[in-house]
Amino acid sequence: MDERVIYISYFYKIRFFEKNMIPFSTATFNPKWYREHGCFLDKNGVVNGLRILDLIPNSSCQEHGVVCNTVECKHDANCEFLRRYYEQLKNIDFNSLIAKLYKFVDELSMHLNIDNPKIVLIVYEPPYKTCSERIMLIKWFKENGYELREF
């Protein structure tokens, strides 16, 4: 399944996913509906409730707000939240994380009879809100040879 492309999107878009799109939250806080029943299939047969704990902003990031999204933030190297989140990502063994993710998705796909599964990382903010972990996830994945394609 390793096609070197993983998708990225946000919670609102899950309602438009197809059964083979498997969302994994990277958000510190998820909408109540996403995890209120644990892991479940929605009315379209899409798995909901999965998270990638390693990619959730840690306490160092949270000291500076879960996401700054303020008018004052210039969304650049001076953004303390984004800087700290990128540092967090750089300390993760990318290849190990990807191997575990693909193994999990392969097993889940077999269990749920999903053909051609697509991994979708979920962030809270839509693409037009640029002060989001989306920016650093895209950068980190690219540095490791993967494209994060927006859905």
Foldseek 3Di string as FASTA:
>chain_A
DPPLEAAEFADVCVVVDALQEAEAEQEPDDPCVQQVPAWDADPRNYTGRHYDPLNHQDPQLCVLPSFVLDPPDPLDPPRSNLVSSLVSLVPDPVVVSVVVVVVVSVVVCVVSVHPPHHYYYYWHDGVVSRRTNVVSVQVSSVVVRHHHHYD
